[in-house]
Amino acid sequence: MYVGIIGCGMMGKIHSKAYKELKGINVKAVASLSEQQSKECAEIASAKIASIDEILKDEEIKIVSICTPTDTHKDLVIEAAKNRKHVFCEKPIALSIEDAEEMVKVCKENDVLLGVNHVVRFFEAYSKAKSLLEGGVIGKAVMARMYRGGVFPNHGWNNWFNELDKSGGVLVDLSIHDFDFLRTIFGEVESVTARTIKKTPSHPGENRDHALAIIRFKNGSLAHVEGSWAEPENAPSKFRTSFEFVGTEGMITYDSDEDFTMRIQTISEVHLAFSNTTPLGTDPYKHHIEQFIKAVEKKHEVPVDGNEAIEALKISLAANKSAETGKPVKLTEVL
């Protein structure tokens, strides 16, 4: 199966590496506005460098990965779909619900699959935590605390992360990972209360880079989500994540900086009262892409489709709206 990759920045390179390691998959061409980044991706994937139009018009190419800035996703996904390409798009799916819904609609009309790379679902620590929660190890989960952050992502083309109309800010680009994962645990969201500040003096502009959000779920559960692009350049870790789930019979905690990364404490008489475990280091990007390819081959539902991505986007947009107004925002207010 032939693949094309559009966008050769950090995520384009990650996609190139993942596809390269999968049997029966050939990255035929890559495209980017940067000549140097195109060369790097082409070398990783053993592919040729082409234009976007050449990739979209190539009848041999069946799957296109979209790894460009978020504000370009809509047009590229729609053009790919109209050229009968299955699309694997980086998250967030888009910057507005209207654009995202149009992307889903056009893909459906052209009978192509749309997958969105909400890859945190495939990270070993997160998938293991979900399995433990579903198994009732800590009873009924009722609260969560999530952190995801690091130094400002200055690797973006023309510093696009710092522009709200291109990235959507830290709540849309980064915390959306945790919003999406939390939906798989607690279900649908009722409302969001959020605050954001600007902390990175080296990146002036309107894009506030540190955020807190309180998520209230329809089932009564609560989650505290913190996202940051404001950690100092000399921080010990350039990027780290952590989570804490509290249930009626115990807790599950994880910190990517710790040697023993997951801790389970429980009063259950069935499960161990205390245990440490280090999740395996499998490549979540490769795993997600592999599952998407299987969906294309077997013509079944993709792991994370456009509609799932839209629900995560709604939470992020509600959080941004709450940060702007200083008031709680219900998801029904996000259109």
C-alpha atoms as a PDB file:
ATOM      1  CA  MET A   1       0.000   0.000   0.000  1.00  0.00           C
ATOM      2  CA  TYR A   2       1.366   3.411  -0.987  1.00  0.00           C
ATOM      3  CA  VAL A   3       1.274   6.387   1.363  1.00  0.00           C
ATOM      4  CA  GLY A   4       1.879  10.110   0.956  1.00  0.00           C
ATOM      5  CA  ILE A   5       2.885  12.463   3.768  1.00  0.00           C
ATOM      6  CA  ILE A   6       2.048  16.161   3.661  1.00  0.00           C
ATOM      7  CA  GLY A   7       3.969  18.197   6.214  1.00  0.00           C
ATOM      8  CA  CYS A   8       7.522  17.249   7.181  1.00  0.00           C
ATOM      9  CA  GLY A   9       8.007  18.897  10.559  1.00  0.00           C
ATOM     10  CA  MET A  10       8.274  16.985  13.830  1.00  0.00           C
ATOM     11  CA  MET A  11       5.074  14.989  13.308  1.00  0.00           C
ATOM     12  CA  GLY A  12       5.862  14.348   9.645  1.00  0.00           C
ATOM     13  CA  LYS A  13       9.105  12.718  10.736  1.00  0.00           C
ATOM     14  CA  ILE A  14       7.293  10.627  13.352  1.00  0.00           C
ATOM     15  CA  HIS A  15       4.795   9.433  10.729  1.00  0.00           C
ATOM     16  CA  SER A  16       7.640   8.700   8.288  1.00  0.00           C
ATOM     17  CA  LYS A  17       9.403   6.515  10.849  1.00  0.00           C
ATOM     18  CA  ALA A  18       6.198   4.693  11.807  1.00  0.00           C
ATOM     19  CA  TYR A  19       5.191   3.889   8.222  1.00  0.00           C
ATOM     20  CA  LYS A  20       8.749   2.807   7.389  1.00  0.00           C
ATOM     21  CA  GLU A  21       8.632   0.149  10.119  1.00  0.00           C
ATOM     22  CA  LEU A  22       5.370  -1.399   8.907  1.00  0.00           C
ATOM     23  CA  LYS A  23       5.494  -4.339   6.507  1.00  0.00           C
ATOM     24  CA  GLY A  24       3.771  -3.923   3.184  1.00  0.00           C
ATOM     25  CA  ILE A  25       3.663  -0.137   3.462  1.00  0.00           C
ATOM     26  CA  ASN A  26       5.609   2.143   1.125  1.00  0.00           C
ATOM     27  CA  VAL A  27       5.803   5.899   1.645  1.00  0.00           C
ATOM     28  CA  LYS A  28       5.918   6.922  -1.989  1.00  0.00           C
ATOM     29  CA  ALA A  29       6.218  10.687  -1.577  1.00  0.00           C
ATOM     30  CA  VAL A  30       6.480  13.493   0.970  1.00  0.00           C
ATOM     31  CA  ALA A  31       5.678  17.187   0.578  1.00  0.00           C
ATOM     32  CA  SER A  32       6.561  20.235   2.652  1.00  0.00           C
ATOM     33  CA  LEU A  33       7.169  23.971   2.323  1.00  0.00           C
ATOM     34  CA  SER A  34      10.624  23.390   3.785  1.00  0.00           C
ATOM     35  CA  GLU A  35      13.181  21.885   1.427  1.00  0.00           C
ATOM     36  CA  GLN A  36      15.358  20.749   4.326  1.00  0.00           C
ATOM     37  CA  GLN A  37      12.502  19.100   6.224  1.00  0.00           C
ATOM     38  CA  SER A  38      11.311  17.407   3.018  1.00  0.00           C
ATOM     39  CA  LYS A  39      14.781  15.913   2.559  1.00  0.00           C
ATOM     40  CA  GLU A  40      14.826  14.669   6.155  1.00  0.00           C
ATOM     41  CA  CYS A  41      11.416  12.978   5.856  1.00  0.00           C
ATOM     42  CA  ALA A  42      12.255  11.527   2.454  1.00  0.00           C
ATOM     43  CA  GLU A  43      15.441  10.015   3.850  1.00  0.00           C
ATOM     44  CA  ILE A  44      13.659   8.508   6.864  1.00  0.00           C
ATOM     45  CA  ALA A  45      10.904   6.972   4.732  1.00  0.00           C
ATOM     46  CA  SER A  46      12.979   6.169   1.629  1.00  0.00           C
ATOM     47  CA  ALA A  47      10.544   8.295  -0.354  1.00  0.00           C
ATOM     48  CA  LYS A  48      10.707  10.888  -3.099  1.00  0.00           C
ATOM     49  CA  ILE A  49       9.970  14.573  -2.640  1.00  0.00           C
ATOM     50  CA  ALA A  50       6.861  15.779  -4.439  1.00  0.00           C
ATOM     51  CA  SER A  51       4.341  18.598  -4.437  1.00  0.00           C
ATOM     52  CA  ILE A  52       1.061  18.388  -2.542  1.00  0.00           C
ATOM     53  CA  ASP A  53      -0.816  18.259  -5.830  1.00  0.00           C
ATOM     54  CA  GLU A  54       1.352  15.405  -7.113  1.00  0.00           C
ATOM     55  CA  ILE A  55       0.606  13.389  -3.974  1.00  0.00           C
ATOM     56  CA  LEU A  56      -3.124  14.033  -4.189  1.00  0.00           C
ATOM     57  CA  LYS A  57      -3.295  13.195  -7.906  1.00  0.00           C
ATOM     58  CA  ASP A  58      -1.189  10.020  -7.646  1.00  0.00           C
ATOM     59  CA  GLU A  59      -3.611   7.123  -8.105  1.00  0.00           C
ATOM     60  CA  GLU A  60      -1.218   4.641  -6.477  1.00  0.00           C
ATOM     61  CA  ILE A  61      -1.288   6.519  -3.180  1.00  0.00           C
ATOM     62  CA  LYS A  62      -4.206   5.262  -1.079  1.00  0.00           C
ATOM     63  CA  ILE A  63      -3.469   6.935   2.283  1.00  0.00           C
ATOM     64  CA  VAL A  64      -2.376  10.500   2.986  1.00  0.00           C
ATOM     65  CA  SER A  65      -1.023  11.639   6.354  1.00  0.00           C
ATOM     66  CA  ILE A  66      -1.709  15.308   7.092  1.00  0.00           C
ATOM     67  CA  CYS A  67       1.004  16.650   9.419  1.00  0.00           C
ATOM     68  CA  THR A  68       0.694  20.376   8.745  1.00  0.00           C
ATOM     69  CA  PRO A  69      -0.345  23.260  11.061  1.00  0.00           C
ATOM     70  CA  THR A  70      -3.902  22.898  12.324  1.00  0.00           C
ATOM     71  CA  ASP A  71      -5.331  25.832  10.377  1.00  0.00           C
ATOM     72  CA  THR A  72      -4.482  24.021   7.111  1.00  0.00           C
ATOM     73  CA  HIS A  73      -6.128  20.702   8.007  1.00  0.00           C
ATOM     74  CA  LYS A  74      -9.568  21.435   6.609  1.00  0.00           C
ATOM     75  CA  ASP A  75      -8.537  22.299   3.038  1.00  0.00           C
ATOM     76  CA  LEU A  76      -5.986  19.490   2.781  1.00  0.00           C
ATOM     77  CA  VAL A  77      -8.299  16.810   4.181  1.00  0.00           C
ATOM     78  CA  ILE A  78     -11.131  17.862   1.877  1.00  0.00           C
ATOM     79  CA  GLU A  79      -8.874  17.865  -1.194  1.00  0.00           C
ATOM     80  CA  ALA A  80      -7.464  14.468  -0.253  1.00  0.00           C
ATOM     81  CA  ALA A  81     -10.954  13.045   0.196  1.00  0.00           C
ATOM     82  CA  LYS A  82     -12.111  14.412  -3.154  1.00  0.00           C
ATOM     83  CA  ASN A  83      -9.146  12.608  -4.702  1.00  0.00           C
ATOM     84  CA  ARG A  84     -10.307   9.366  -3.037  1.00  0.00           C
ATOM     85  CA  LYS A  85      -7.494   9.197  -0.473  1.00  0.00           C
ATOM     86  CA  HIS A  86      -8.036   7.779   2.992  1.00  0.00           C
ATOM     87  CA  VAL A  87      -6.817  10.411   5.445  1.00  0.00           C
ATOM     88  CA  PHE A  88      -4.865  10.101   8.672  1.00  0.00           C
ATOM     89  CA  CYS A  89      -4.861  13.617  10.130  1.00  0.00           C
ATOM     90  CA  GLU A  90      -2.923  15.017  13.038  1.00  0.00           C
ATOM     91  CA  LYS A  91      -4.920  16.375  15.945  1.00  0.00           C
ATOM     92  CA  PRO A  92      -6.655  18.721  16.518  1.00  0.00           C
ATOM     93  CA  ILE A  93      -8.908  17.881  13.594  1.00  0.00           C
ATOM     94  CA  ALA A  94      -9.571  21.608  12.986  1.00  0.00           C
ATOM     95  CA  LEU A  95      -9.992  24.919  14.800  1.00  0.00           C
ATOM     96  CA  SER A  96     -13.782  25.101  14.570  1.00  0.00           C
ATOM     97  CA  ILE A  97     -16.641  22.646  14.826  1.00  0.00           C
ATOM     98  CA  GLU A  98     -18.030  23.867  11.507  1.00  0.00           C
ATOM     99  CA  ASP A  99     -14.785  23.072   9.677  1.00  0.00           C
ATOM    100  CA  ALA A 100     -14.439  19.694  11.380  1.00  0.00           C
ATOM    101  CA  GLU A 101     -18.003  18.692  10.511  1.00  0.00           C
ATOM    102  CA  GLU A 102     -17.417  19.631   6.877  1.00  0.00           C
ATOM    103  CA  MET A 103     -14.278  17.467   6.805  1.00  0.00           C
ATOM    104  CA  VAL A 104     -16.225  14.488   8.174  1.00  0.00           C
ATOM    105  CA  LYS A 105     -19.044  15.100   5.691  1.00  0.00           C
ATOM    106  CA  VAL A 106     -16.788  15.281   2.624  1.00  0.00           C
ATOM    107  CA  CYS A 107     -14.873  12.140   3.631  1.00  0.00           C
ATOM    108  CA  LYS A 108     -18.162  10.270   4.028  1.00  0.00           C
ATOM    109  CA  GLU A 109     -19.470  11.532   0.679  1.00  0.00           C
ATOM    110  CA  ASN A 110     -16.327  10.283  -1.061  1.00  0.00           C
ATOM    111  CA  ASP A 111     -16.344   6.935   0.770  1.00  0.00           C
ATOM    112  CA  VAL A 112     -12.928   7.398   2.364  1.00  0.00           C
ATOM    113  CA  LEU A 113     -11.912   6.869   5.977  1.00  0.00           C
ATOM    114  CA  LEU A 114     -10.823   9.745   8.209  1.00  0.00           C
ATOM    115  CA  GLY A 115      -8.677   8.968  11.222  1.00  0.00           C
ATOM    116  CA  VAL A 116      -7.412  11.573  13.681  1.00  0.00           C
ATOM    117  CA  ASN A 117      -4.223  10.997  15.627  1.00  0.00           C
ATOM    118  CA  HIS A 118      -5.393  11.240  19.231  1.00  0.00           C
ATOM    119  CA  VAL A 119      -2.412   9.074  20.023  1.00  0.00           C
ATOM    120  CA  VAL A 120      -2.509   9.263  23.829  1.00  0.00           C
ATOM    121  CA  ARG A 121      -5.106   6.481  23.771  1.00  0.00           C
ATOM    122  CA  PHE A 122      -2.280   4.262  22.468  1.00  0.00           C
ATOM    123  CA  PHE A 123       0.421   5.176  24.978  1.00  0.00           C
ATOM    124  CA  GLU A 124       1.089   2.148  27.153  1.00  0.00           C
ATOM    125  CA  ALA A 125       0.632   3.895  30.510  1.00  0.00           C
ATOM    126  CA  TYR A 126      -2.706   5.394  29.483  1.00  0.00           C
ATOM    127  CA  SER A 127      -4.105   2.271  27.868  1.00  0.00           C
ATOM    128  CA  LYS A 128      -3.044   0.233  30.898  1.00  0.00           C
ATOM    129  CA  ALA A 129      -4.692   2.707  33.268  1.00  0.00           C
ATOM    130  CA  LYS A 130      -7.897   2.516  31.227  1.00  0.00           C
ATOM    131  CA  SER A 131      -7.810  -1.286  31.433  1.00  0.00           C
ATOM    132  CA  LEU A 132      -7.301  -1.162  35.206  1.00  0.00           C
ATOM    133  CA  LEU A 133     -10.150   1.318  35.610  1.00  0.00           C
ATOM    134  CA  GLU A 134     -12.486  -0.780  33.483  1.00  0.00           C
ATOM    135  CA  GLY A 135     -11.507  -3.800  35.568  1.00  0.00           C
ATOM    136  CA  GLY A 136     -12.668  -2.056  38.722  1.00  0.00           C
ATOM    137  CA  VAL A 137      -9.252  -2.198  40.394  1.00  0.00           C
ATOM    138  CA  ILE A 138      -9.908   1.065  42.275  1.00  0.00           C
ATOM    139  CA  GLY A 139     -13.669   0.737  42.344  1.00  0.00           C
ATOM    140  CA  LYS A 140     -15.655   3.430  40.552  1.00  0.00           C
ATOM    141  CA  ALA A 141     -13.448   6.243  39.224  1.00  0.00           C
ATOM    142  CA  VAL A 142     -14.834   9.624  40.335  1.00  0.00           C
ATOM    143  CA  MET A 143     -11.966  12.127  39.984  1.00  0.00           C
ATOM    144  CA  ALA A 144      -8.869  12.677  37.865  1.00  0.00           C
ATOM    145  CA  ARG A 145      -5.936  15.040  37.649  1.00  0.00           C
ATOM    146  CA  MET A 146      -3.911  15.340  34.435  1.00  0.00           C
ATOM    147  CA  TYR A 147      -0.734  17.246  33.535  1.00  0.00           C
ATOM    148  CA  ARG A 148       0.855  17.622  30.113  1.00  0.00           C
ATOM    149  CA  GLY A 149       3.521  20.177  29.375  1.00  0.00           C
ATOM    150  CA  GLY A 150       7.032  21.296  28.656  1.00  0.00           C
ATOM    151  CA  VAL A 151       9.010  24.060  26.991  1.00  0.00           C
ATOM    152  CA  PHE A 152       7.426  26.182  24.287  1.00  0.00           C
ATOM    153  CA  PRO A 153       7.192  24.237  20.963  1.00  0.00           C
ATOM    154  CA  ASN A 154       9.461  26.508  18.952  1.00  0.00           C
ATOM    155  CA  HIS A 155       9.925  23.866  16.260  1.00  0.00           C
ATOM    156  CA  GLY A 156       6.735  24.957  14.476  1.00  0.00           C
ATOM    157  CA  TRP A 157       6.903  26.362  10.934  1.00  0.00           C
ATOM    158  CA  ASN A 158       7.123  30.166  11.209  1.00  0.00           C
ATOM    159  CA  ASN A 159       6.339  29.859  14.930  1.00  0.00           C
ATOM    160  CA  TRP A 160       2.719  28.878  14.202  1.00  0.00           C
ATOM    161  CA  PHE A 161       2.128  27.510  17.706  1.00  0.00           C
ATOM    162  CA  ASN A 162       2.303  31.072  19.028  1.00  0.00           C
ATOM    163  CA  GLU A 163      -0.575  32.255  16.830  1.00  0.00           C
ATOM    164  CA  LEU A 164      -4.056  31.583  18.189  1.00  0.00           C
ATOM    165  CA  ASP A 165      -5.629  31.546  14.736  1.00  0.00           C
ATOM    166  CA  LYS A 166      -3.254  28.757  13.675  1.00  0.00           C
ATOM    167  CA  SER A 167      -2.847  26.547  16.771  1.00  0.00           C
ATOM    168  CA  GLY A 168      -5.808  27.435  18.976  1.00  0.00           C
ATOM    169  CA  GLY A 169      -3.460  27.746  21.955  1.00  0.00           C
ATOM    170  CA  VAL A 170      -2.314  25.286  24.576  1.00  0.00           C
ATOM    171  CA  LEU A 171      -5.843  24.125  25.447  1.00  0.00           C
ATOM    172  CA  VAL A 172      -6.642  23.220  21.832  1.00  0.00           C
ATOM    173  CA  ASP A 173      -3.290  21.909  20.664  1.00  0.00           C
ATOM    174  CA  LEU A 174      -1.971  20.197  23.795  1.00  0.00           C
ATOM    175  CA  SER A 175      -4.604  19.628  26.491  1.00  0.00           C
ATOM    176  CA  ILE A 176      -6.942  18.171  23.876  1.00  0.00           C
ATOM    177  CA  HIS A 177      -4.973  14.937  24.343  1.00  0.00           C
ATOM    178  CA  ASP A 178      -6.128  14.679  27.950  1.00  0.00           C
ATOM    179  CA  PHE A 179      -9.653  15.842  27.136  1.00  0.00           C
ATOM    180  CA  ASP A 180      -9.972  13.065  24.569  1.00  0.00           C
ATOM    181  CA  PHE A 181      -8.593  10.404  26.905  1.00  0.00           C
ATOM    182  CA  LEU A 182     -10.816  11.483  29.790  1.00  0.00           C
ATOM    183  CA  ARG A 183     -13.895  11.062  27.574  1.00  0.00           C
ATOM    184  CA  THR A 184     -12.969   7.393  27.161  1.00  0.00           C
ATOM    185  CA  ILE A 185     -12.979   7.047  30.963  1.00  0.00           C
ATOM    186  CA  PHE A 186     -15.833   9.242  32.220  1.00  0.00           C
ATOM    187  CA  GLY A 187     -18.011   9.712  29.148  1.00  0.00           C
ATOM    188  CA  GLU A 188     -19.587  12.937  27.955  1.00  0.00           C
ATOM    189  CA  VAL A 189     -18.713  16.348  29.350  1.00  0.00           C
ATOM    190  CA  GLU A 190     -21.266  18.744  30.819  1.00  0.00           C
ATOM    191  CA  SER A 191     -19.222  21.910  31.391  1.00  0.00           C
ATOM    192  CA  VAL A 192     -15.719  23.382  31.530  1.00  0.00           C
ATOM    193  CA  THR A 193     -14.198  26.104  33.693  1.00  0.00           C
ATOM    194  CA  ALA A 194     -10.737  27.270  32.607  1.00  0.00           C
ATOM    195  CA  ARG A 195      -8.085  29.944  33.118  1.00  0.00           C
ATOM    196  CA  THR A 196      -4.993  30.743  31.048  1.00  0.00           C
ATOM    197  CA  ILE A 197      -1.959  32.997  31.478  1.00  0.00           C
ATOM    198  CA  LYS A 198       1.097  34.052  29.471  1.00  0.00           C
ATOM    199  CA  LYS A 199       4.413  32.943  30.961  1.00  0.00           C
ATOM    200  CA  THR A 200       6.962  32.619  28.151  1.00  0.00           C
ATOM    201  CA  PRO A 201       8.651  36.019  27.572  1.00  0.00           C
ATOM    202  CA  SER A 202      10.658  34.646  24.637  1.00  0.00           C
ATOM    203  CA  HIS A 203       7.418  34.127  22.692  1.00  0.00           C
ATOM    204  CA  PRO A 204       5.388  37.338  22.967  1.00  0.00           C
ATOM    205  CA  GLY A 205       1.931  37.412  21.512  1.00  0.00           C
ATOM    206  CA  GLU A 206      -1.673  36.661  22.301  1.00  0.00           C
ATOM    207  CA  ASN A 207      -1.250  32.916  22.699  1.00  0.00           C
ATOM    208  CA  ARG A 208      -1.355  32.309  26.443  1.00  0.00           C
ATOM    209  CA  ASP A 209       0.704  29.244  27.195  1.00  0.00           C
ATOM    210  CA  HIS A 210      -0.278  27.870  30.618  1.00  0.00           C
ATOM    211  CA  ALA A 211      -3.786  26.676  31.376  1.00  0.00           C
ATOM    212  CA  LEU A 212      -5.947  24.996  33.993  1.00  0.00           C
ATOM    213  CA  ALA A 213      -9.345  23.478  33.278  1.00  0.00           C
ATOM    214  CA  ILE A 214     -11.920  21.850  35.534  1.00  0.00           C
ATOM    215  CA  ILE A 215     -14.081  19.377  33.628  1.00  0.00           C
ATOM    216  CA  ARG A 216     -17.468  18.367  34.961  1.00  0.00           C
ATOM    217  CA  PHE A 217     -18.821  15.194  33.389  1.00  0.00           C
ATOM    218  CA  LYS A 218     -22.471  14.275  32.963  1.00  0.00           C
ATOM    219  CA  ASN A 219     -22.020  11.315  35.313  1.00  0.00           C
ATOM    220  CA  GLY A 220     -20.927  13.667  38.113  1.00  0.00           C
ATOM    221  CA  SER A 221     -17.175  12.987  37.894  1.00  0.00           C
ATOM    222  CA  LEU A 222     -14.631  15.808  37.950  1.00  0.00           C
ATOM    223  CA  ALA A 223     -11.239  16.226  36.306  1.00  0.00           C
ATOM    224  CA  HIS A 224      -8.494  18.821  36.760  1.00  0.00           C
ATOM    225  CA  VAL A 225      -6.446  19.298  33.589  1.00  0.00           C
ATOM    226  CA  GLU A 226      -3.259  21.372  33.460  1.00  0.00           C
ATOM    227  CA  GLY A 227      -1.471  22.117  30.199  1.00  0.00           C
ATOM    228  CA  SER A 228       1.727  24.100  29.744  1.00  0.00           C
ATOM    229  CA  TRP A 229       4.089  25.418  27.116  1.00  0.00           C
ATOM    230  CA  ALA A 230       5.768  27.523  29.812  1.00  0.00           C
ATOM    231  CA  GLU A 231       8.361  25.291  31.466  1.00  0.00           C
ATOM    232  CA  PRO A 232      11.837  26.887  31.325  1.00  0.00           C
ATOM    233  CA  GLU A 233      14.314  25.942  28.617  1.00  0.00           C
ATOM    234  CA  ASN A 234      16.649  24.535  31.283  1.00  0.00           C
ATOM    235  CA  ALA A 235      13.972  22.268  32.783  1.00  0.00           C
ATOM    236  CA  PRO A 236      15.239  18.718  33.527  1.00  0.00           C
ATOM    237  CA  SER A 237      12.577  17.338  31.192  1.00  0.00           C
ATOM    238  CA  LYS A 238      11.669  19.162  27.992  1.00  0.00           C
ATOM    239  CA  PHE A 239       8.277  17.465  28.153  1.00  0.00           C
ATOM    240  CA  ARG A 240       6.479  15.366  30.734  1.00  0.00           C
ATOM    241  CA  THR A 241       3.053  13.982  31.550  1.00  0.00           C
ATOM    242  CA  SER A 242       1.302  12.686  34.633  1.00  0.00           C
ATOM    243  CA  PHE A 243      -2.110  11.524  35.763  1.00  0.00           C
ATOM    244  CA  GLU A 244      -3.976  10.563  38.895  1.00  0.00           C
ATOM    245  CA  PHE A 245      -7.266   8.681  38.983  1.00  0.00           C
ATOM    246  CA  VAL A 246      -9.184   8.474  42.254  1.00  0.00           C
ATOM    247  CA  GLY A 247     -11.805   5.810  42.762  1.00  0.00           C
ATOM    248  CA  THR A 248     -14.061   4.620  45.540  1.00  0.00           C
ATOM    249  CA  GLU A 249     -11.511   1.948  46.488  1.00  0.00           C
ATOM    250  CA  GLY A 250      -8.120   3.389  45.587  1.00  0.00           C
ATOM    251  CA  MET A 251      -5.886   5.446  43.298  1.00  0.00           C
ATOM    252  CA  ILE A 252      -3.796   5.018  40.148  1.00  0.00           C
ATOM    253  CA  THR A 253      -0.960   7.490  39.634  1.00  0.00           C
ATOM    254  CA  TYR A 254       1.601   7.944  36.871  1.00  0.00           C
ATOM    255  CA  ASP A 255       4.468  10.333  36.181  1.00  0.00           C
ATOM    256  CA  SER A 256       6.599  10.070  33.061  1.00  0.00           C
ATOM    257  CA  ASP A 257       9.630  11.396  35.005  1.00  0.00           C
ATOM    258  CA  GLU A 258       9.600   8.597  37.569  1.00  0.00           C
ATOM    259  CA  ASP A 259      11.556   5.349  37.263  1.00  0.00           C
ATOM    260  CA  PHE A 260       8.585   3.324  38.471  1.00  0.00           C
ATOM    261  CA  THR A 261       5.915   5.157  36.593  1.00  0.00           C
ATOM    262  CA  MET A 262       2.626   3.691  37.772  1.00  0.00           C
ATOM    263  CA  ARG A 263       1.404   3.202  41.314  1.00  0.00           C
ATOM    264  CA  ILE A 264      -1.800   1.436  42.310  1.00  0.00           C
ATOM    265  CA  GLN A 265      -3.160   1.800  45.839  1.00  0.00           C
ATOM    266  CA  THR A 266      -6.378   0.070  46.758  1.00  0.00           C
ATOM    267  CA  ILE A 267      -8.390  -1.198  49.711  1.00  0.00           C
ATOM    268  CA  SER A 268      -9.837  -3.970  47.569  1.00  0.00           C
ATOM    269  CA  GLU A 269      -9.669  -7.486  48.953  1.00  0.00           C
ATOM    270  CA  VAL A 270      -9.428  -8.840  45.405  1.00  0.00           C
ATOM    271  CA  HIS A 271      -6.633  -6.721  43.959  1.00  0.00           C
ATOM    272  CA  LEU A 272      -3.154  -6.065  45.318  1.00  0.00           C
ATOM    273  CA  ALA A 273      -3.122  -3.319  47.943  1.00  0.00           C
ATOM    274  CA  PHE A 274      -0.032  -1.716  46.404  1.00  0.00           C
ATOM    275  CA  SER A 275       2.019  -2.253  43.278  1.00  0.00           C
ATOM    276  CA  ASN A 276       4.523  -0.525  41.032  1.00  0.00           C
ATOM    277  CA  THR A 277       4.922  -1.177  37.369  1.00  0.00           C
ATOM    278  CA  THR A 278       6.755   0.368  34.439  1.00  0.00           C
ATOM    279  CA  PRO A 279       4.656   0.246  31.256  1.00  0.00           C
ATOM    280  CA  LEU A 280       6.360  -1.108  28.170  1.00  0.00           C
ATOM    281  CA  GLY A 281       7.878   1.287  25.672  1.00  0.00           C
ATOM    282  CA  THR A 282       5.987   0.350  22.518  1.00  0.00           C
ATOM    283  CA  ASP A 283       5.667   3.044  19.844  1.00  0.00           C
ATOM    284  CA  PRO A 284       2.118   4.446  20.165  1.00  0.00           C
ATOM    285  CA  TYR A 285       2.325   6.332  16.849  1.00  0.00           C
ATOM    286  CA  LYS A 286       3.238   3.195  14.958  1.00  0.00           C
ATOM    287  CA  HIS A 287       0.499   1.260  16.752  1.00  0.00           C
ATOM    288  CA  HIS A 288      -2.202   3.820  15.925  1.00  0.00           C
ATOM    289  CA  ILE A 289      -1.123   4.113  12.278  1.00  0.00           C
ATOM    290  CA  GLU A 290      -1.068   0.319  12.016  1.00  0.00           C
ATOM    291  CA  GLN A 291      -4.635   0.139  13.332  1.00  0.00           C
ATOM    292  CA  PHE A 292      -5.732   2.804  10.854  1.00  0.00           C
ATOM    293  CA  ILE A 293      -4.179   0.860   7.969  1.00  0.00           C
ATOM    294  CA  LYS A 294      -5.987  -2.302   9.064  1.00  0.00           C
ATOM    295  CA  ALA A 295      -9.246  -0.333   9.052  1.00  0.00           C
ATOM    296  CA  VAL A 296      -8.534   0.765   5.471  1.00  0.00           C
ATOM    297  CA  GLU A 297      -7.668  -2.773   4.371  1.00  0.00           C
ATOM    298  CA  LYS A 298     -10.657  -4.399   6.041  1.00  0.00           C
ATOM    299  CA  LYS A 299     -13.054  -1.486   5.520  1.00  0.00           C
ATOM    300  CA  HIS A 300     -14.119  -1.188   9.136  1.00  0.00           C
ATOM    301  CA  GLU A 301     -14.274   1.710  11.601  1.00  0.00           C
ATOM    302  CA  VAL A 302     -11.050   3.531  12.410  1.00  0.00           C
ATOM    303  CA  PRO A 303      -9.810   3.691  16.038  1.00  0.00           C
ATOM    304  CA  VAL A 304     -10.442   7.453  16.402  1.00  0.00           C
ATOM    305  CA  ASP A 305     -12.691   8.917  13.726  1.00  0.00           C
ATOM    306  CA  GLY A 306     -13.653  12.485  12.892  1.00  0.00           C
ATOM    307  CA  ASN A 307     -16.708  12.471  15.137  1.00  0.00           C
ATOM    308  CA  GLU A 308     -14.644  11.425  18.149  1.00  0.00           C
ATOM    309  CA  ALA A 309     -12.151  14.172  17.316  1.00  0.00           C
ATOM    310  CA  ILE A 310     -14.975  16.714  17.155  1.00  0.00           C
ATOM    311  CA  GLU A 311     -16.094  15.834  20.699  1.00  0.00           C
ATOM    312  CA  ALA A 312     -12.567  16.425  22.008  1.00  0.00           C
ATOM    313  CA  LEU A 313     -12.383  19.704  20.085  1.00  0.00           C
ATOM    314  CA  LYS A 314     -15.642  20.870  21.682  1.00  0.00           C
ATOM    315  CA  ILE A 315     -14.079  20.502  25.132  1.00  0.00           C
ATOM    316  CA  SER A 316     -11.001  22.485  24.084  1.00  0.00           C
ATOM    317  CA  LEU A 317     -13.074  25.256  22.531  1.00  0.00           C
ATOM    318  CA  ALA A 318     -15.291  25.384  25.618  1.00  0.00           C
ATOM    319  CA  ALA A 319     -12.149  25.712  27.744  1.00  0.00           C
ATOM    320  CA  ASN A 320     -10.876  28.583  25.586  1.00  0.00           C
ATOM    321  CA  LYS A 321     -14.257  30.312  25.809  1.00  0.00           C
ATOM    322  CA  SER A 322     -14.308  29.912  29.581  1.00  0.00           C
ATOM    323  CA  ALA A 323     -10.785  31.335  29.863  1.00  0.00           C
ATOM    324  CA  GLU A 324     -11.860  34.348  27.802  1.00  0.00           C
ATOM    325  CA  THR A 325     -15.111  35.019  29.689  1.00  0.00           C
ATOM    326  CA  GLY A 326     -14.121  33.878  33.169  1.00  0.00           C
ATOM    327  CA  LYS A 327     -17.313  31.813  33.367  1.00  0.00           C
ATOM    328  CA  PRO A 328     -18.132  28.076  33.170  1.00  0.00           C
ATOM    329  CA  VAL A 329     -19.101  27.006  29.644  1.00  0.00           C
ATOM    330  CA  LYS A 330     -21.425  24.145  28.809  1.00  0.00           C
ATOM    331  CA  LEU A 331     -20.583  22.024  25.795  1.00  0.00           C
ATOM    332  CA  THR A 332     -23.996  22.825  24.353  1.00  0.00           C
ATOM    333  CA  GLU A 333     -22.744  26.416  23.988  1.00  0.00           C
ATOM    334  CA  VAL A 334     -19.962  25.367  21.619  1.00  0.00           C
ATOM    335  CA  LEU A 335     -21.109  25.352  17.992  1.00  0.00           C
END
